[in-house]
N, C-alpha and C. Protein backbone atom coordinates (compact mmCIF):
# COMPACT_ATOMS: atom_id res chain seq x y z
N MET A 1 111.71 124.83 100.04
CA MET A 1 110.57 124.39 100.83
C MET A 1 111.08 123.50 101.96
N ASP A 2 110.56 123.71 103.13
CA ASP A 2 110.92 122.92 104.30
C ASP A 2 110.27 121.54 104.17
N ARG A 3 111.06 120.49 104.13
CA ARG A 3 110.49 119.16 103.92
C ARG A 3 109.61 118.71 105.07
N LEU A 4 109.79 119.26 106.25
CA LEU A 4 108.95 118.89 107.39
C LEU A 4 107.56 119.51 107.31
N LYS A 5 107.42 120.56 106.52
CA LYS A 5 106.12 121.21 106.38
C LYS A 5 105.60 121.12 104.95
N ALA A 6 106.10 120.18 104.19
CA ALA A 6 105.68 120.03 102.80
C ALA A 6 104.19 119.70 102.74
N PRO A 7 103.45 120.30 101.82
CA PRO A 7 102.00 120.06 101.73
C PRO A 7 101.64 118.58 101.56
N ALA A 8 102.45 117.83 100.82
CA ALA A 8 102.15 116.42 100.60
C ALA A 8 102.21 115.63 101.90
N MET A 9 103.02 116.08 102.83
CA MET A 9 103.18 115.33 104.08
C MET A 9 102.19 115.78 105.15
N MET A 10 101.60 116.94 105.00
CA MET A 10 100.73 117.48 106.05
C MET A 10 99.47 116.65 106.24
N HIS A 11 98.90 116.10 105.17
CA HIS A 11 97.65 115.37 105.30
C HIS A 11 97.85 113.90 105.64
N GLU A 12 99.05 113.39 105.49
CA GLU A 12 99.29 111.97 105.71
C GLU A 12 99.29 111.61 107.19
N GLY A 13 99.82 112.46 108.03
CA GLY A 13 99.86 112.15 109.45
C GLY A 13 100.91 111.10 109.76
N ARG A 14 100.93 110.67 111.00
CA ARG A 14 101.90 109.68 111.42
C ARG A 14 101.23 108.32 111.53
N GLY A 15 101.98 107.29 111.25
CA GLY A 15 101.50 105.93 111.45
C GLY A 15 100.50 105.49 110.41
N ARG A 16 99.91 104.36 110.70
CA ARG A 16 98.93 103.77 109.79
C ARG A 16 97.59 104.48 109.88
N GLN A 17 96.86 104.40 108.78
CA GLN A 17 95.50 104.92 108.81
C GLN A 17 94.64 103.92 109.58
N ARG A 18 93.59 104.41 110.20
CA ARG A 18 92.71 103.55 110.98
C ARG A 18 91.91 102.64 110.06
N ALA A 19 91.83 101.39 110.43
CA ALA A 19 91.09 100.42 109.63
C ALA A 19 89.63 100.34 110.06
N HIS A 20 89.34 100.70 111.32
CA HIS A 20 88.00 100.56 111.86
C HIS A 20 87.53 101.86 112.50
N THR A 21 86.22 102.04 112.50
CA THR A 21 85.64 103.22 113.14
C THR A 21 85.64 103.03 114.66
N ASP A 22 85.35 104.09 115.38
CA ASP A 22 85.26 104.00 116.84
C ASP A 22 84.19 103.00 117.25
N GLN A 23 83.07 102.99 116.55
CA GLN A 23 81.98 102.08 116.89
C GLN A 23 82.38 100.63 116.65
N GLU A 24 83.09 100.36 115.55
CA GLU A 24 83.55 99.00 115.28
C GLU A 24 84.54 98.54 116.34
N GLU A 25 85.46 99.42 116.70
CA GLU A 25 86.44 99.08 117.72
C GLU A 25 85.77 98.82 119.06
N ALA A 26 84.76 99.61 119.40
CA ALA A 26 84.03 99.41 120.65
C ALA A 26 83.30 98.06 120.64
N ALA A 27 82.72 97.70 119.50
CA ALA A 27 82.03 96.42 119.39
C ALA A 27 83.01 95.25 119.53
N ILE A 28 84.17 95.37 118.91
CA ILE A 28 85.19 94.32 119.02
C ILE A 28 85.68 94.20 120.46
N ALA A 29 85.94 95.33 121.10
CA ALA A 29 86.40 95.32 122.49
C ALA A 29 85.33 94.74 123.40
N GLY A 30 84.07 95.07 123.15
CA GLY A 30 82.98 94.52 123.95
C GLY A 30 82.88 93.01 123.80
N PHE A 31 83.06 92.53 122.59
CA PHE A 31 83.04 91.09 122.35
C PHE A 31 84.18 90.40 123.10
N LEU A 32 85.36 90.98 123.04
CA LEU A 32 86.50 90.39 123.74
C LEU A 32 86.29 90.39 125.25
N ARG A 33 85.71 91.48 125.78
CA ARG A 33 85.41 91.53 127.22
C ARG A 33 84.37 90.47 127.60
N TYR A 34 83.37 90.30 126.74
CA TYR A 34 82.35 89.29 126.99
C TYR A 34 82.98 87.90 127.02
N MET A 35 83.79 87.59 126.02
CA MET A 35 84.44 86.28 125.96
C MET A 35 85.33 86.05 127.18
N ALA A 36 86.07 87.07 127.58
CA ALA A 36 86.94 86.94 128.75
C ALA A 36 86.11 86.74 130.01
N GLY A 37 84.99 87.43 130.11
CA GLY A 37 84.11 87.28 131.26
C GLY A 37 83.51 85.89 131.36
N GLN A 38 83.34 85.23 130.23
CA GLN A 38 82.82 83.87 130.21
C GLN A 38 83.91 82.84 130.46
N GLY A 39 85.15 83.31 130.53
CA GLY A 39 86.28 82.39 130.73
C GLY A 39 86.71 81.69 129.46
N LEU A 40 86.30 82.23 128.33
CA LEU A 40 86.63 81.63 127.03
C LEU A 40 87.50 82.59 126.23
N PRO A 41 88.78 82.31 126.14
CA PRO A 41 89.61 83.20 125.32
C PRO A 41 89.20 83.08 123.85
N ALA A 42 89.14 84.19 123.17
CA ALA A 42 88.75 84.18 121.76
C ALA A 42 89.93 83.72 120.91
N SER A 43 89.73 82.64 120.17
CA SER A 43 90.79 82.17 119.27
C SER A 43 90.90 83.12 118.08
N HIS A 44 91.97 82.98 117.34
CA HIS A 44 92.18 83.83 116.17
C HIS A 44 91.03 83.68 115.19
N GLU A 45 90.59 82.45 114.97
CA GLU A 45 89.52 82.20 114.01
C GLU A 45 88.20 82.82 114.46
N VAL A 46 87.89 82.69 115.76
CA VAL A 46 86.65 83.26 116.29
C VAL A 46 86.69 84.78 116.20
N LEU A 47 87.81 85.37 116.58
CA LEU A 47 87.94 86.83 116.52
C LEU A 47 87.85 87.33 115.08
N LYS A 48 88.51 86.66 114.17
CA LYS A 48 88.47 87.06 112.77
C LYS A 48 87.04 87.00 112.22
N SER A 49 86.31 85.96 112.59
CA SER A 49 84.93 85.82 112.15
C SER A 49 84.05 86.93 112.73
N LYS A 50 84.22 87.23 114.00
CA LYS A 50 83.42 88.28 114.65
C LYS A 50 83.72 89.65 114.07
N VAL A 51 85.00 89.94 113.82
CA VAL A 51 85.37 91.22 113.22
C VAL A 51 84.74 91.33 111.83
N SER A 52 84.77 90.25 111.08
CA SER A 52 84.15 90.25 109.75
C SER A 52 82.65 90.52 109.85
N ASP A 53 81.99 89.90 110.83
CA ASP A 53 80.56 90.13 111.04
C ASP A 53 80.27 91.59 111.39
N ILE A 54 81.09 92.17 112.26
CA ILE A 54 80.90 93.56 112.68
C ILE A 54 81.09 94.51 111.50
N ILE A 55 82.11 94.27 110.70
CA ILE A 55 82.38 95.12 109.54
C ILE A 55 81.25 95.00 108.51
N ASN A 56 80.78 93.79 108.27
CA ASN A 56 79.68 93.60 107.32
C ASN A 56 78.41 94.28 107.81
N ALA A 57 78.17 94.24 109.11
CA ALA A 57 76.98 94.88 109.67
C ALA A 57 77.05 96.40 109.57
N SER A 58 78.27 96.95 109.58
CA SER A 58 78.42 98.40 109.50
C SER A 58 78.30 98.91 108.06
N GLY A 59 78.31 98.00 107.10
CA GLY A 59 78.12 98.39 105.71
C GLY A 59 79.38 98.72 104.94
N LYS A 60 80.53 98.38 105.47
CA LYS A 60 81.79 98.64 104.75
C LYS A 60 81.97 97.68 103.62
């Protein structure tokens, strides 16, 4: 069996699996754009809190 075409490897794909949906990523990006537009860089704590809020709202 060709290890490059092994069935176990075909479904895994390359790289990490996505942690967020397209909608969640768009919401996070929108929040960051909003904060940047206000002249307020989002701190790690603020961003982490907002991401948590977005994920909770999506029902994950």
